[in-house]
PDB file of N, CA and C in Angstrom:
ATOM      1  N   UNK A   1     -37.023  21.204 -16.296  1.00  0.00           N
ATOM      2  CA  UNK A   1     -37.826  21.218 -15.148  1.00  0.00           C
ATOM      3  C   UNK A   1     -37.052  20.053 -14.351  1.00  0.00           C
ATOM      4  N   UNK A   2     -36.851  20.619 -13.078  1.00  0.00           N
ATOM      5  CA  UNK A   2     -36.334  19.611 -11.911  1.00  0.00           C
ATOM      6  C   UNK A   2     -37.582  19.394 -10.910  1.00  0.00           C
ATOM      7  N   UNK A   3     -37.769  18.022 -10.834  1.00  0.00           N
ATOM      8  CA  UNK A   3     -38.902  17.520  -9.836  1.00  0.00           C
ATOM      9  C   UNK A   3     -38.447  16.582  -8.953  1.00  0.00           C
ATOM     10  N   UNK A   4     -38.948  16.881  -7.703  1.00  0.00           N
ATOM     11  CA  UNK A   4     -38.837  16.097  -6.470  1.00  0.00           C
ATOM     12  C   UNK A   4     -39.416  14.516  -6.511  1.00  0.00           C
ATOM     13  N   UNK A   5     -38.270  13.508  -6.536  1.00  0.00           N
ATOM     14  CA  UNK A   5     -38.893  12.068  -6.801  1.00  0.00           C
ATOM     15  C   UNK A   5     -39.682  11.703  -5.569  1.00  0.00           C
ATOM     16  N   UNK A   6     -39.944  12.466  -4.473  1.00  0.00           N
ATOM     17  CA  UNK A   6     -40.454  11.940  -3.326  1.00  0.00           C
ATOM     18  C   UNK A   6     -41.969  12.731  -3.147  1.00  0.00           C
ATOM     19  N   UNK A   7     -42.246  13.330  -3.968  1.00  0.00           N
ATOM     20  CA  UNK A   7     -43.341  14.365  -3.671  1.00  0.00           C
ATOM     21  C   UNK A   7     -44.766  13.576  -3.282  1.00  0.00           C
ATOM     22  N   UNK A   8     -45.515  14.072  -2.256  1.00  0.00           N
ATOM     23  CA  UNK A   8     -46.598  13.148  -1.732  1.00  0.00           C
ATOM     24  C   UNK A   8     -47.537  14.532  -1.301  1.00  0.00           C
ATOM     25  N   UNK A   9     -48.762  13.979  -1.680  1.00  0.00           N
ATOM     26  CA  UNK A   9     -49.095  12.962  -2.580  1.00  0.00           C
ATOM     27  C   UNK A   9     -48.856  13.003  -4.008  1.00  0.00           C
ATOM     28  N   UNK A  10     -48.633  12.328  -4.659  1.00  0.00           N
ATOM     29  CA  UNK A  10     -47.822  12.209  -6.021  1.00  0.00           C
ATOM     30  C   UNK A  10     -48.719  13.109  -7.103  1.00  0.00           C
ATOM     31  N   UNK A  11     -50.255  13.028  -6.696  1.00  0.00           N
ATOM     32  CA  UNK A  11     -50.895  13.807  -7.584  1.00  0.00           C
ATOM     33  C   UNK A  11     -50.573  15.187  -7.563  1.00  0.00           C
ATOM     34  N   UNK A  12     -49.919  15.634  -6.638  1.00  0.00           N
ATOM     35  CA  UNK A  12     -49.249  17.008  -6.921  1.00  0.00           C
ATOM     36  C   UNK A  12     -48.437  17.386  -7.997  1.00  0.00           C
ATOM     37  N   UNK A  13     -47.651  16.350  -8.306  1.00  0.00           N
ATOM     38  CA  UNK A  13     -46.655  16.493  -9.528  1.00  0.00           C
ATOM     39  C   UNK A  13     -47.096  15.724 -10.874  1.00  0.00           C
ATOM     40  N   UNK A  14     -47.984  14.404 -10.681  1.00  0.00           N
ATOM     41  CA  UNK A  14     -47.907  13.784 -11.688  1.00  0.00           C
ATOM     42  C   UNK A  14     -48.271  14.211 -13.136  1.00  0.00           C
ATOM     43  N   UNK A  15     -48.862  15.324 -13.394  1.00  0.00           N
ATOM     44  CA  UNK A  15     -49.198  15.774 -14.548  1.00  0.00           C
ATOM     45  C   UNK A  15     -48.001  16.621 -15.208  1.00  0.00           C
ATOM     46  N   UNK A  16     -47.017  17.173 -14.320  1.00  0.00           N
ATOM     47  CA  UNK A  16     -45.531  17.679 -15.091  1.00  0.00           C
ATOM     48  C   UNK A  16     -44.964  16.934 -15.964  1.00  0.00           C
ATOM     49  N   UNK A  17     -44.881  15.770 -15.836  1.00  0.00           N
ATOM     50  CA  UNK A  17     -43.943  15.048 -16.733  1.00  0.00           C
ATOM     51  C   UNK A  17     -44.626  15.166 -18.281  1.00  0.00           C
ATOM     52  N   UNK A  18     -45.812  15.010 -18.138  1.00  0.00           N
ATOM     53  CA  UNK A  18     -46.811  14.938 -19.253  1.00  0.00           C
ATOM     54  C   UNK A  18     -46.692  16.331 -20.317  1.00  0.00           C
ATOM     55  N   UNK A  19     -47.054  17.429 -19.263  1.00  0.00           N
ATOM     56  CA  UNK A  19     -47.008  18.704 -19.784  1.00  0.00           C
ATOM     57  C   UNK A  19     -45.578  18.728 -20.524  1.00  0.00           C
ATOM     58  N   UNK A  20     -44.277  18.515 -19.644  1.00  0.00           N
ATOM     59  CA  UNK A  20     -43.096  18.738 -20.422  1.00  0.00           C
ATOM     60  C   UNK A  20     -43.102  18.103 -21.657  1.00  0.00           C
ATOM     61  N   UNK A  21     -43.401  16.734 -21.570  1.00  0.00           N
ATOM     62  CA  UNK A  21     -43.347  16.126 -22.846  1.00  0.00           C
ATOM     63  C   UNK A  21     -44.048  16.519 -24.046  1.00  0.00           C
ATOM     64  N   UNK A  22     -45.266  16.912 -23.600  1.00  0.00           N
ATOM     65  CA  UNK A  22     -46.038  17.592 -25.086  1.00  0.00           C
ATOM     66  C   UNK A  22     -45.642  18.986 -25.091  1.00  0.00           C
ATOM     67  N   UNK A  23     -44.467  19.660 -24.394  1.00  0.00           N
ATOM     68  CA  UNK A  23     -43.898  20.838 -25.088  1.00  0.00           C
ATOM     69  C   UNK A  23     -42.399  20.740 -25.108  1.00  0.00           C
ATOM     70  N   UNK A  24     -41.928  19.501 -25.207  1.00  0.00           N
ATOM     71  CA  UNK A  24     -40.703  19.277 -25.586  1.00  0.00           C
ATOM     72  C   UNK A  24     -39.873  20.058 -24.571  1.00  0.00           C
ATOM     73  N   UNK A  25     -40.052  20.000 -23.388  1.00  0.00           N
ATOM     74  CA  UNK A  25     -39.432  20.520 -22.148  1.00  0.00           C
ATOM     75  C   UNK A  25     -38.525  19.537 -21.518  1.00  0.00           C
ATOM     76  N   UNK A  26     -37.091  19.594 -21.348  1.00  0.00           N
ATOM     77  CA  UNK A  26     -36.516  18.657 -20.581  1.00  0.00           C
ATOM     78  C   UNK A  26     -36.528  18.472 -19.216  1.00  0.00           C
ATOM     79  N   UNK A  27     -36.874  17.281 -18.553  1.00  0.00           N
ATOM     80  CA  UNK A  27     -36.887  17.256 -17.144  1.00  0.00           C
ATOM     81  C   UNK A  27     -36.292  16.216 -16.571  1.00  0.00           C
ATOM     82  N   UNK A  28     -36.014  16.144 -14.929  1.00  0.00           N
ATOM     83  CA  UNK A  28     -35.316  15.340 -14.685  1.00  0.00           C
ATOM     84  C   UNK A  28     -35.695  14.924 -13.246  1.00  0.00           C
ATOM     85  N   UNK A  29     -35.727  14.078 -12.514  1.00  0.00           N
ATOM     86  CA  UNK A  29     -36.145  13.980 -11.218  1.00  0.00           C
ATOM     87  C   UNK A  29     -34.742  13.722 -10.314  1.00  0.00           C
ATOM     88  N   UNK A  30     -34.830  14.377  -9.132  1.00  0.00           N
ATOM     89  CA  UNK A  30     -34.030  14.346  -7.991  1.00  0.00           C
ATOM     90  C   UNK A  30     -34.715  13.345  -6.845  1.00  0.00           C
ATOM     91  N   UNK A  31     -33.778  12.970  -6.009  1.00  0.00           N
ATOM     92  CA  UNK A  31     -34.557  11.710  -5.115  1.00  0.00           C
ATOM     93  C   UNK A  31     -35.429  12.559  -3.944  1.00  0.00           C
ATOM     94  N   UNK A  32     -34.891  13.788  -3.498  1.00  0.00           N
ATOM     95  CA  UNK A  32     -36.021  14.584  -2.572  1.00  0.00           C
ATOM     96  C   UNK A  32     -36.256  15.921  -2.585  1.00  0.00           C
ATOM     97  N   UNK A  33     -37.361  16.327  -2.446  1.00  0.00           N
ATOM     98  CA  UNK A  33     -37.689  17.780  -2.183  1.00  0.00           C
ATOM     99  C   UNK A  33     -37.006  18.544  -1.236  1.00  0.00           C
ATOM    100  N   UNK A  34     -36.275  17.679  -0.227  1.00  0.00           N
ATOM    101  CA  UNK A  34     -35.388  18.503   0.446  1.00  0.00           C
ATOM    102  C   UNK A  34     -33.943  18.896  -0.116  1.00  0.00           C
ATOM    103  N   UNK A  35     -33.464  18.125  -1.175  1.00  0.00           N
ATOM    104  CA  UNK A  35     -32.236  18.161  -2.039  1.00  0.00           C
ATOM    105  C   UNK A  35     -32.580  19.421  -2.818  1.00  0.00           C
ATOM    106  N   UNK A  36     -33.961  19.679  -3.525  1.00  0.00           N
ATOM    107  CA  UNK A  36     -34.125  20.823  -4.256  1.00  0.00           C
ATOM    108  C   UNK A  36     -34.252  22.089  -3.470  1.00  0.00           C
ATOM    109  N   UNK A  37     -34.925  21.875  -2.379  1.00  0.00           N
ATOM    110  CA  UNK A  37     -34.880  23.160  -1.407  1.00  0.00           C
ATOM    111  C   UNK A  37     -33.759  23.820  -1.165  1.00  0.00           C
ATOM    112  N   UNK A  38     -32.589  22.712  -0.668  1.00  0.00           N
ATOM    113  CA  UNK A  38     -31.319  22.924  -0.447  1.00  0.00           C
ATOM    114  C   UNK A  38     -30.423  23.413  -1.574  1.00  0.00           C
ATOM    115  N   UNK A  39     -30.937  23.135  -2.779  1.00  0.00           N
ATOM    116  CA  UNK A  39     -30.210  23.646  -3.841  1.00  0.00           C
ATOM    117  C   UNK A  39     -30.553  25.097  -4.053  1.00  0.00           C
ATOM    118  N   UNK A  40     -31.832  25.348  -3.874  1.00  0.00           N
ATOM    119  CA  UNK A  40     -32.258  26.720  -3.979  1.00  0.00           C
ATOM    120  C   UNK A  40     -31.920  27.638  -2.828  1.00  0.00           C
ATOM    121  N   UNK A  41     -31.153  27.189  -1.686  1.00  0.00           N
ATOM    122  CA  UNK A  41     -31.075  27.854  -0.854  1.00  0.00           C
ATOM    123  C   UNK A  41     -32.206  28.206   0.354  1.00  0.00           C
ATOM    124  N   UNK A  42     -33.152  27.306   0.214  1.00  0.00           N
ATOM    125  CA  UNK A  42     -34.159  27.656   1.269  1.00  0.00           C
ATOM    126  C   UNK A  42     -34.196  26.498   2.293  1.00  0.00           C
ATOM    127  N   UNK A  43     -34.799  26.639   3.330  1.00  0.00           N
ATOM    128  CA  UNK A  43     -35.075  25.633   4.428  1.00  0.00           C
ATOM    129  C   UNK A  43     -36.311  24.671   4.237  1.00  0.00           C
ATOM    130  N   UNK A  44     -37.007  25.020   3.302  1.00  0.00           N
ATOM    131  CA  UNK A  44     -38.011  24.069   3.202  1.00  0.00           C
ATOM    132  C   UNK A  44     -38.112  23.146   1.682  1.00  0.00           C
ATOM    133  N   UNK A  45     -39.042  22.139   1.739  1.00  0.00           N
ATOM    134  CA  UNK A  45     -38.615  21.177   0.715  1.00  0.00           C
ATOM    135  C   UNK A  45     -39.348  21.857  -0.387  1.00  0.00           C
ATOM    136  N   UNK A  46     -38.840  21.671  -1.638  1.00  0.00           N
ATOM    137  CA  UNK A  46     -39.288  22.286  -2.931  1.00  0.00           C
ATOM    138  C   UNK A  46     -39.735  21.066  -3.851  1.00  0.00           C
ATOM    139  N   UNK A  47     -40.816  21.120  -4.444  1.00  0.00           N
ATOM    140  CA  UNK A  47     -41.414  19.861  -5.469  1.00  0.00           C
ATOM    141  C   UNK A  47     -40.912  20.144  -6.716  1.00  0.00           C
ATOM    142  N   UNK A  48     -40.795  21.038  -7.181  1.00  0.00           N
ATOM    143  CA  UNK A  48     -40.622  21.586  -8.789  1.00  0.00           C
ATOM    144  C   UNK A  48     -39.833  22.853  -8.754  1.00  0.00           C
ATOM    145  N   UNK A  49     -38.668  22.769  -9.753  1.00  0.00           N
ATOM    146  CA  UNK A  49     -38.118  23.995  -9.834  1.00  0.00           C
ATOM    147  C   UNK A  49     -38.014  23.992 -11.582  1.00  0.00           C
ATOM    148  N   UNK A  50     -38.566  25.358 -12.131  1.00  0.00           N
ATOM    149  CA  UNK A  50     -38.533  25.465 -13.515  1.00  0.00           C
ATOM    150  C   UNK A  50     -37.116  26.427 -13.781  1.00  0.00           C
ATOM    151  N   UNK A  51     -36.445  25.943 -14.591  1.00  0.00           N
ATOM    152  CA  UNK A  51     -35.097  26.988 -15.280  1.00  0.00           C
ATOM    153  C   UNK A  51     -35.476  27.405 -16.588  1.00  0.00           C
ATOM    154  N   UNK A  52     -35.748  28.450 -16.779  1.00  0.00           N
ATOM    155  CA  UNK A  52     -35.976  29.203 -17.889  1.00  0.00           C
ATOM    156  C   UNK A  52     -34.793  29.509 -18.543  1.00  0.00           C
ATOM    157  N   UNK A  53     -34.613  29.354 -19.830  1.00  0.00           N
ATOM    158  CA  UNK A  53     -33.654  30.200 -20.676  1.00  0.00           C
ATOM    159  C   UNK A  53     -33.202  31.552 -20.389  1.00  0.00           C
ATOM    160  N   UNK A  54     -32.126  32.057 -20.415  1.00  0.00           N
ATOM    161  CA  UNK A  54     -31.883  33.463 -20.199  1.00  0.00           C
ATOM    162  C   UNK A  54     -30.426  33.750 -20.624  1.00  0.00           C
ATOM    163  N   UNK A  55     -30.397  34.780 -21.714  1.00  0.00           N
ATOM    164  CA  UNK A  55     -29.195  35.317 -22.221  1.00  0.00           C
ATOM    165  C   UNK A  55     -27.749  35.353 -21.549  1.00  0.00           C
ATOM    166  N   UNK A  56     -28.228  35.817 -20.202  1.00  0.00           N
ATOM    167  CA  UNK A  56     -26.762  35.778 -19.134  1.00  0.00           C
ATOM    168  C   UNK A  56     -26.340  34.362 -18.643  1.00  0.00           C
ATOM    169  N   UNK A  57     -26.978  33.172 -19.031  1.00  0.00           N
ATOM    170  CA  UNK A  57     -26.559  31.794 -18.823  1.00  0.00           C
ATOM    171  C   UNK A  57     -27.183  30.961 -19.817  1.00  0.00           C
ATOM    172  N   UNK A  58     -27.246  31.430 -20.856  1.00  0.00           N
ATOM    173  CA  UNK A  58     -27.777  30.626 -22.286  1.00  0.00           C
ATOM    174  C   UNK A  58     -27.038  29.380 -22.367  1.00  0.00           C
ATOM    175  N   UNK A  59     -25.663  29.531 -22.347  1.00  0.00           N
ATOM    176  CA  UNK A  59     -24.468  28.385 -22.757  1.00  0.00           C
ATOM    177  C   UNK A  59     -24.750  27.299 -21.872  1.00  0.00           C
ATOM    178  N   UNK A  60     -24.712  27.731 -20.566  1.00  0.00           N
ATOM    179  CA  UNK A  60     -24.826  26.577 -19.452  1.00  0.00           C
ATOM    180  C   UNK A  60     -26.348  26.000 -19.413  1.00  0.00           C
ATOM    181  N   UNK A  61     -27.164  26.886 -19.668  1.00  0.00           N
ATOM    182  CA  UNK A  61     -28.575  26.252 -20.005  1.00  0.00           C
ATOM    183  C   UNK A  61     -29.021  25.206 -20.861  1.00  0.00           C
ATOM    184  N   UNK A  62     -28.144  25.402 -22.074  1.00  0.00           N
ATOM    185  CA  UNK A  62     -27.914  24.279 -23.298  1.00  0.00           C
ATOM    186  C   UNK A  62     -27.377  23.205 -22.724  1.00  0.00           C
ATOM    187  N   UNK A  63     -26.205  23.394 -22.048  1.00  0.00           N
ATOM    188  CA  UNK A  63     -25.490  22.184 -21.864  1.00  0.00           C
ATOM    189  C   UNK A  63     -26.270  21.352 -20.888  1.00  0.00           C
ATOM    190  N   UNK A  64     -26.772  22.067 -19.799  1.00  0.00           N
ATOM    191  CA  UNK A  64     -27.671  21.048 -18.918  1.00  0.00           C
ATOM    192  C   UNK A  64     -29.068  20.760 -19.624  1.00  0.00           C
ATOM    193  N   UNK A  65     -29.546  21.256 -20.559  1.00  0.00           N
ATOM    194  CA  UNK A  65     -30.789  20.874 -21.051  1.00  0.00           C
ATOM    195  C   UNK A  65     -30.348  19.343 -21.826  1.00  0.00           C
ATOM    196  N   UNK A  66     -29.301  19.526 -22.776  1.00  0.00           N
ATOM    197  CA  UNK A  66     -28.573  18.511 -23.783  1.00  0.00           C
ATOM    198  C   UNK A  66     -28.191  17.200 -22.690  1.00  0.00           C
ATOM    199  N   UNK A  67     -27.584  17.321 -21.334  1.00  0.00           N
ATOM    200  CA  UNK A  67     -27.490  16.272 -20.691  1.00  0.00           C
ATOM    201  C   UNK A  67     -28.648  15.617 -20.008  1.00  0.00           C
ATOM    202  N   UNK A  68     -29.630  16.555 -19.579  1.00  0.00           N
ATOM    203  CA  UNK A  68     -30.807  15.708 -19.369  1.00  0.00           C
ATOM    204  C   UNK A  68     -31.437  14.935 -20.272  1.00  0.00           C
ATOM    205  N   UNK A  69     -31.671  15.405 -21.699  1.00  0.00           N
ATOM    206  CA  UNK A  69     -32.242  14.680 -22.563  1.00  0.00           C
ATOM    207  C   UNK A  69     -31.382  13.579 -22.673  1.00  0.00           C
ATOM    208  N   UNK A  70     -29.833  13.157 -22.654  1.00  0.00           N
ATOM    209  CA  UNK A  70     -29.250  12.296 -22.649  1.00  0.00           C
ATOM    210  C   UNK A  70     -29.403  10.922 -21.430  1.00  0.00           C
ATOM    211  N   UNK A  71     -30.118  11.665 -20.329  1.00  0.00           N
ATOM    212  CA  UNK A  71     -30.168  10.611 -19.344  1.00  0.00           C
ATOM    213  C   UNK A  71     -31.098   9.521 -19.511  1.00  0.00           C
ATOM    214  N   UNK A  72     -31.080   8.157 -19.189  1.00  0.00           N
ATOM    215  CA  UNK A  72     -31.691   7.151 -19.322  1.00  0.00           C
ATOM    216  C   UNK A  72     -33.252   7.049 -18.790  1.00  0.00           C
ATOM    217  N   UNK A  73     -34.038   6.787 -19.271  1.00  0.00           N
ATOM    218  CA  UNK A  73     -35.504   6.399 -18.741  1.00  0.00           C
ATOM    219  C   UNK A  73     -35.345   5.670 -17.800  1.00  0.00           C
ATOM    220  N   UNK A  74     -35.930   5.884 -16.385  1.00  0.00           N
ATOM    221  CA  UNK A  74     -35.954   5.014 -15.264  1.00  0.00           C
ATOM    222  C   UNK A  74     -36.660   3.941 -15.681  1.00  0.00           C
ATOM    223  N   UNK A  75     -36.418   2.776 -15.174  1.00  0.00           N
ATOM    224  CA  UNK A  75     -37.024   1.247 -15.466  1.00  0.00           C
ATOM    225  C   UNK A  75     -38.397   1.455 -14.803  1.00  0.00           C
ATOM    226  N   UNK A  76     -39.632   1.106 -15.179  1.00  0.00           N
ATOM    227  CA  UNK A  76     -41.096   1.084 -14.496  1.00  0.00           C
ATOM    228  C   UNK A  76     -41.622   2.545 -14.780  1.00  0.00           C
ATOM    229  N   UNK A  77     -41.035   3.211 -15.940  1.00  0.00           N
ATOM    230  CA  UNK A  77     -41.963   4.314 -16.671  1.00  0.00           C
ATOM    231  C   UNK A  77     -42.513   4.126 -17.868  1.00  0.00           C
ATOM    232  N   UNK A  78     -42.950   5.042 -18.212  1.00  0.00           N
ATOM    233  CA  UNK A  78     -43.308   4.973 -19.735  1.00  0.00           C
ATOM    234  C   UNK A  78     -44.364   4.004 -19.966  1.00  0.00           C
ATOM    235  N   UNK A  79     -44.521   3.759 -21.280  1.00  0.00           N
ATOM    236  CA  UNK A  79     -45.594   2.653 -21.577  1.00  0.00           C
ATOM    237  C   UNK A  79     -45.519   1.499 -21.553  1.00  0.00           C
ATOM    238  N   UNK A  80     -46.286   0.749 -21.421  1.00  0.00           N
ATOM    239  CA  UNK A  80     -45.983  -0.660 -20.995  1.00  0.00           C
ATOM    240  C   UNK A  80     -45.422  -1.419 -22.292  1.00  0.00           C
ATOM    241  N   UNK A  81     -44.772  -2.547 -22.077  1.00  0.00           N
ATOM    242  CA  UNK A  81     -44.424  -3.326 -23.334  1.00  0.00           C
ATOM    243  C   UNK A  81     -45.329  -4.238 -23.522  1.00  0.00           C
ATOM    244  N   UNK A  82     -45.760  -4.730 -24.863  1.00  0.00           N
ATOM    245  CA  UNK A  82     -46.715  -5.506 -25.431  1.00  0.00           C
ATOM    246  C   UNK A  82     -45.755  -6.618 -26.098  1.00  0.00           C
TER     247      UNK A  82
END
């Protein structure tokens, strides 16, 4: 799952990371919805892209998913430290 980091209002996407974590789906944020739209080849901003595994690109999908899982968790997210 690829999520735009500048979604507004944030309520539109704030549930997506929780769903991804519950279902063990790797996810990553990109800076803007414009970046996501450009990557998809459309002129509009895009808030979320879900990339599903498929036999024609399974090896590349597995490689990308592994890289996403290795990314550090950004500061200011997750559970508070006590």
